[in-house]
Amino acid sequence: MDQPGDNLPLDKNVQGIDEIPGQGISALLDGQRVLAGNQRLMDRYGIKVGLGDGDAYPGSMIHLARDGRWLGTLFASDRLRDQARESVNRLRSQGTRFIAVLSGDRQAAASDTGRLIGADLVASELMPGDKIDELELLQALAPGRTAFVGDGINDAPVLRRADVGIAIGGLGSDAAVEAADVVIMTDELARIPDAVSLARKTKRRVHENVAVILLVKGLLLTLGALGITPLWGAVFADTGVLLLTVVNSLRAYYSKVS
């Protein structure tokens, strides 16, 4: 996996670039430590942020500091991805009982996102380990399998821990892609309910194929043991059933997602 700064035209005096999961980035510039990250990063290095009521600002805050002094703060606001609410509604129509937002962003930003998509639970300002704890709590409280969707490096541990980890591969980090069980190769969130629909149809085809194989072969074996089935029956039990299961499997390929 590429390290931070591998492909960036950085000044030769920039050294020791370190990406701190859930906090931000640290580097040395002309021997002075430069920081860019959240409040946790500032607290880690004992830097006092000279900002008033941060809760009054929407979105995420990126604090900048150099040589132990706070320089300023950037405010960033995420735009809800296209098809996000539609995808959540489709997942619910497919039988998803509980949808939660587990985010490392500030409470105001995470709560706004959760409200827009109609989430049942919103947990904010989470470190990677905190996300795992929240996921395990949800797994203990809610019956059935749990899927987690993420694209960041901080999502990699929880992607591995979930029953099904789904990474958004278009802009996702390498760590998230490697940790996931399923990778959506585009940034279209609508592909998530599509994948659920295809997975269920594929599982149904497998069950149908197993039932057909057992039924036909069991019937012909019984007839053969009684001396009723001729040679063509044995051929059909082998090659014919194989062709039937192949044709049945192709139905999943050509069927439309719901």
Protein backbone atom coordinates (compact mmCIF):
# COMPACT_ATOMS: atom_id res chain seq x y z
CA MET A 1 0.00 0.00 0.00
CA ASP A 2 1.30 3.45 -0.85
CA GLN A 3 2.47 5.49 2.09
CA PRO A 4 1.18 9.04 2.67
CA GLY A 5 3.01 11.42 0.42
CA ASP A 6 4.46 8.82 -1.97
CA ASN A 7 2.99 10.47 -5.06
CA LEU A 8 2.87 14.08 -3.91
CA PRO A 9 5.31 16.80 -5.05
CA LEU A 10 6.45 17.60 -1.51
CA ASP A 11 9.19 20.00 -0.50
CA LYS A 12 12.49 18.24 0.13
CA ASN A 13 12.47 19.63 3.67
CA VAL A 14 9.31 17.69 4.54
CA GLN A 15 10.17 14.48 6.40
CA GLY A 16 8.65 11.91 8.70
CA ILE A 17 5.11 11.98 7.31
CA ASP A 18 2.92 9.90 9.61
CA GLU A 19 -0.80 9.23 9.18
CA ILE A 20 -2.39 8.68 12.58
CA PRO A 21 -5.64 6.67 12.23
CA GLY A 22 -8.69 8.56 13.44
CA GLN A 23 -6.71 11.73 14.17
CA GLY A 24 -4.82 13.22 11.24
CA ILE A 25 -1.35 13.69 9.75
CA SER A 26 1.96 14.66 11.31
CA ALA A 27 5.14 15.70 9.49
CA LEU A 28 8.43 17.53 10.00
CA LEU A 29 9.03 20.71 7.99
CA ASP A 30 12.44 22.36 8.43
CA GLY A 31 12.74 20.53 11.74
CA GLN A 32 9.39 21.79 13.02
CA ARG A 33 6.43 19.46 13.54
CA VAL A 34 3.41 20.29 11.38
CA LEU A 35 0.02 18.83 12.25
CA ALA A 36 -3.29 18.64 10.42
CA GLY A 37 -6.17 16.80 12.03
CA ASN A 38 -8.97 16.78 14.54
CA GLN A 39 -9.16 17.77 18.20
CA ARG A 40 -7.76 14.42 19.30
CA LEU A 41 -4.55 15.14 17.39
CA MET A 42 -4.23 18.55 19.03
CA ASP A 43 -4.78 17.03 22.48
CA ARG A 44 -2.20 14.36 21.72
CA TYR A 45 0.48 17.00 21.22
CA GLY A 46 -0.83 19.31 23.95
CA ILE A 47 -1.83 22.13 21.57
CA LYS A 48 -4.53 24.53 22.69
CA VAL A 49 -7.00 25.42 19.95
CA GLY A 50 -7.97 29.09 20.10
CA LEU A 51 -11.45 28.57 18.77
CA GLY A 52 -14.72 29.53 20.39
CA ASP A 53 -17.74 27.30 20.39
CA GLY A 54 -16.75 24.70 17.82
CA ASP A 55 -20.17 23.09 18.03
CA ALA A 56 -21.64 26.16 16.37
CA TYR A 57 -19.94 25.23 13.11
CA PRO A 58 -21.40 22.50 10.90
CA GLY A 59 -19.34 19.78 9.31
CA SER A 60 -15.86 18.61 10.24
CA MET A 61 -13.01 20.72 11.61
CA ILE A 62 -9.39 20.26 10.50
CA HIS A 63 -7.00 22.00 12.88
CA LEU A 64 -3.57 23.13 11.66
CA ALA A 65 -0.57 23.56 13.93
CA ARG A 66 3.15 24.12 13.61
CA ASP A 67 5.88 23.89 16.19
CA GLY A 68 3.40 23.48 19.02
CA ARG A 69 1.26 26.47 18.03
CA TRP A 70 -2.25 26.42 16.60
CA LEU A 71 -2.36 28.16 13.21
CA GLY A 72 -6.03 27.93 12.30
CA THR A 73 -8.92 25.65 11.46
CA LEU A 74 -10.45 24.52 8.19
CA PHE A 75 -14.13 23.64 8.03
CA ALA A 76 -15.27 20.90 5.67
CA SER A 77 -18.79 19.71 5.05
CA ASP A 78 -19.58 16.39 3.36
CA ARG A 79 -22.23 16.27 0.68
CA LEU A 80 -24.61 13.36 0.90
CA ARG A 81 -23.73 10.90 -1.83
CA ASP A 82 -26.08 10.50 -4.73
CA GLN A 83 -28.57 7.66 -4.32
CA ALA A 84 -27.79 7.37 -0.59
CA ARG A 85 -31.35 7.73 0.68
CA GLU A 86 -32.75 5.69 -2.21
CA SER A 87 -30.28 2.89 -1.48
CA VAL A 88 -31.23 2.85 2.20
CA ASN A 89 -34.92 2.65 1.30
CA ARG A 90 -34.23 -0.25 -1.05
CA LEU A 91 -32.27 -2.08 1.64
CA ARG A 92 -35.20 -1.69 4.02
CA SER A 93 -37.60 -3.00 1.39
CA GLN A 94 -35.30 -6.03 1.01
CA GLY A 95 -35.69 -6.81 4.70
CA THR A 96 -32.88 -4.87 6.40
CA ARG A 97 -34.16 -4.28 9.93
CA PHE A 98 -31.63 -1.84 11.39
CA ILE A 99 -29.37 0.78 9.82
CA ALA A 100 -26.72 2.63 11.81
CA VAL A 101 -24.17 5.31 11.00
CA LEU A 102 -20.77 4.72 12.65
CA SER A 103 -18.64 7.75 11.96
CA GLY A 104 -15.43 9.38 13.07
CA ASP A 105 -16.86 12.82 12.28
CA ARG A 106 -18.20 15.27 14.83
CA GLN A 107 -21.63 14.67 16.27
CA ALA A 108 -23.28 17.53 14.35
CA ALA A 109 -22.04 16.26 10.98
CA ALA A 110 -22.82 12.57 11.67
CA SER A 111 -26.27 13.34 13.07
CA ASP A 112 -27.16 15.41 10.02
CA THR A 113 -26.13 12.56 7.72
CA GLY A 114 -28.09 10.05 9.76
CA ARG A 115 -31.18 12.24 9.65
CA LEU A 116 -31.00 12.65 5.88
CA ILE A 117 -30.79 8.92 5.17
CA GLY A 118 -33.22 7.89 7.92
CA ALA A 119 -30.78 5.89 10.06
CA ASP A 120 -31.97 4.17 13.23
CA LEU A 121 -28.77 4.93 15.16
CA VAL A 122 -25.95 7.46 14.82
CA ALA A 123 -22.64 7.09 16.67
CA SER A 124 -20.07 9.85 16.12
CA GLU A 125 -16.44 10.73 16.92
CA LEU A 126 -15.44 7.07 16.86
CA MET A 127 -11.91 5.74 16.63
CA PRO A 128 -11.36 2.51 14.64
CA GLY A 129 -11.52 0.48 17.85
CA ASP A 130 -14.70 2.27 18.91
CA LYS A 131 -16.37 1.28 15.64
CA ILE A 132 -15.60 -2.36 16.36
CA ASP A 133 -17.12 -2.03 19.84
CA GLU A 134 -20.28 -0.46 18.39
CA LEU A 135 -20.51 -3.16 15.73
CA GLU A 136 -20.18 -5.96 18.28
CA LEU A 137 -22.89 -4.32 20.38
CA LEU A 138 -25.20 -4.21 17.36
CA GLN A 139 -24.40 -7.84 16.55
CA ALA A 140 -25.35 -8.83 20.11
CA LEU A 141 -28.60 -6.85 20.08
CA ALA A 142 -29.86 -7.47 16.54
CA PRO A 143 -30.50 -10.98 15.19
CA GLY A 144 -29.16 -11.99 11.79
CA ARG A 145 -26.02 -11.06 9.92
CA THR A 146 -24.44 -7.62 10.06
CA ALA A 147 -22.96 -5.85 7.02
CA PHE A 148 -20.67 -2.83 7.22
CA VAL A 149 -20.02 -0.41 4.36
CA GLY A 150 -16.90 1.77 4.37
CA ASP A 151 -14.15 3.21 2.22
CA GLY A 152 -11.54 4.71 4.55
CA ILE A 153 -8.41 3.37 6.18
CA ASN A 154 -10.15 3.72 9.55
CA ASP A 155 -12.88 1.37 8.34
CA ALA A 156 -10.53 -1.55 7.62
CA PRO A 157 -10.66 -3.17 11.10
CA VAL A 158 -14.46 -3.07 11.32
CA LEU A 159 -14.79 -4.31 7.72
CA ARG A 160 -12.92 -7.43 8.80
CA ARG A 161 -15.01 -7.83 11.95
CA ALA A 162 -18.41 -7.53 10.27
CA ASP A 163 -20.20 -10.65 9.02
CA VAL A 164 -20.06 -9.05 5.56
CA GLY A 165 -17.65 -6.18 4.85
CA ILE A 166 -18.46 -4.05 1.80
CA ALA A 167 -15.87 -1.57 0.52
CA ILE A 168 -16.61 1.25 -1.91
CA GLY A 169 -13.69 0.67 -4.24
CA GLY A 170 -13.86 3.70 -6.53
CA LEU A 171 -12.33 6.13 -4.05
CA GLY A 172 -11.73 3.71 -1.19
CA SER A 173 -8.37 3.13 0.47
CA ASP A 174 -6.32 0.05 -0.30
CA ALA A 175 -6.67 -1.09 3.31
CA ALA A 176 -10.47 -1.01 3.11
CA VAL A 177 -10.51 -2.90 -0.20
CA GLU A 178 -8.19 -5.62 1.12
CA ALA A 179 -10.21 -6.05 4.33
CA ALA A 180 -13.64 -6.28 2.67
CA ASP A 181 -15.51 -9.38 1.58
CA VAL A 182 -17.27 -7.49 -1.23
CA VAL A 183 -15.87 -4.57 -3.24
CA ILE A 184 -18.14 -2.20 -5.16
CA MET A 185 -15.90 -1.10 -8.04
CA THR A 186 -17.75 2.17 -8.59
CA ASP A 187 -18.94 4.89 -6.21
CA GLU A 188 -22.59 4.12 -6.88
CA LEU A 189 -24.27 3.32 -3.59
CA ALA A 190 -27.17 1.77 -5.52
CA ARG A 191 -24.84 -1.17 -6.21
CA ILE A 192 -25.13 -2.23 -2.57
CA PRO A 193 -28.84 -3.23 -2.70
CA ASP A 194 -28.10 -4.61 -6.19
CA ALA A 195 -25.47 -6.89 -4.65
CA VAL A 196 -27.90 -8.00 -1.95
CA SER A 197 -30.52 -8.82 -4.57
CA LEU A 198 -28.07 -10.80 -6.72
CA ALA A 199 -26.69 -12.67 -3.71
CA ARG A 200 -30.17 -13.79 -2.67
CA LYS A 201 -31.06 -14.89 -6.19
CA THR A 202 -27.79 -16.80 -6.48
CA LYS A 203 -28.41 -18.55 -3.17
CA ARG A 204 -31.93 -19.46 -4.31
CA ARG A 205 -30.53 -20.93 -7.56
CA VAL A 206 -28.04 -23.03 -5.60
CA HIS A 207 -30.83 -24.46 -3.44
CA GLU A 208 -32.92 -25.17 -6.55
CA ASN A 209 -30.01 -26.91 -8.28
CA VAL A 210 -29.23 -29.11 -5.27
CA ALA A 211 -32.92 -30.06 -4.96
CA VAL A 212 -33.16 -30.95 -8.67
CA ILE A 213 -29.97 -33.04 -8.61
CA LEU A 214 -30.99 -34.99 -5.52
CA LEU A 215 -34.55 -35.53 -6.74
CA VAL A 216 -33.72 -36.66 -10.29
CA LYS A 217 -30.74 -38.83 -9.39
CA GLY A 218 -32.54 -40.35 -6.44
CA LEU A 219 -35.53 -41.19 -8.63
CA LEU A 220 -33.46 -42.69 -11.45
CA LEU A 221 -31.26 -44.64 -9.04
CA THR A 222 -34.36 -46.16 -7.50
CA LEU A 223 -35.80 -47.04 -10.93
CA GLY A 224 -32.44 -48.44 -12.00
CA ALA A 225 -32.22 -50.64 -8.92
CA LEU A 226 -35.67 -52.02 -9.79
CA GLY A 227 -34.55 -52.71 -13.35
CA ILE A 228 -37.01 -50.24 -14.84
CA THR A 229 -34.66 -47.49 -16.12
CA PRO A 230 -32.70 -48.29 -19.33
CA LEU A 231 -29.26 -46.91 -20.24
CA TRP A 232 -30.62 -43.57 -21.40
CA GLY A 233 -31.87 -42.96 -17.86
CA ALA A 234 -28.34 -43.12 -16.48
CA VAL A 235 -27.13 -40.72 -19.20
CA PHE A 236 -29.91 -38.26 -18.37
CA ALA A 237 -29.16 -38.54 -14.63
CA ASP A 238 -25.59 -37.43 -15.34
CA THR A 239 -25.40 -35.13 -18.38
CA GLY A 240 -29.03 -34.08 -18.52
CA VAL A 241 -29.19 -32.92 -14.91
CA LEU A 242 -25.93 -31.01 -15.41
CA LEU A 243 -27.42 -29.12 -18.35
CA LEU A 244 -30.58 -28.36 -16.36
CA THR A 245 -28.62 -26.86 -13.47
CA VAL A 246 -26.47 -24.76 -15.84
CA VAL A 247 -29.56 -23.33 -17.53
CA ASN A 248 -31.16 -22.65 -14.16
CA SER A 249 -28.02 -20.88 -12.95
CA LEU A 250 -28.03 -18.61 -16.00
CA ARG A 251 -31.39 -17.27 -14.88
CA ALA A 252 -29.60 -15.37 -12.09
CA TYR A 253 -27.27 -13.77 -14.64
CA TYR A 254 -30.04 -12.49 -16.87
CA SER A 255 -32.57 -11.60 -14.16
CA LYS A 256 -33.12 -8.01 -13.11
CA VAL A 257 -32.14 -6.76 -9.67
CA SER A 258 -34.91 -5.58 -7.38
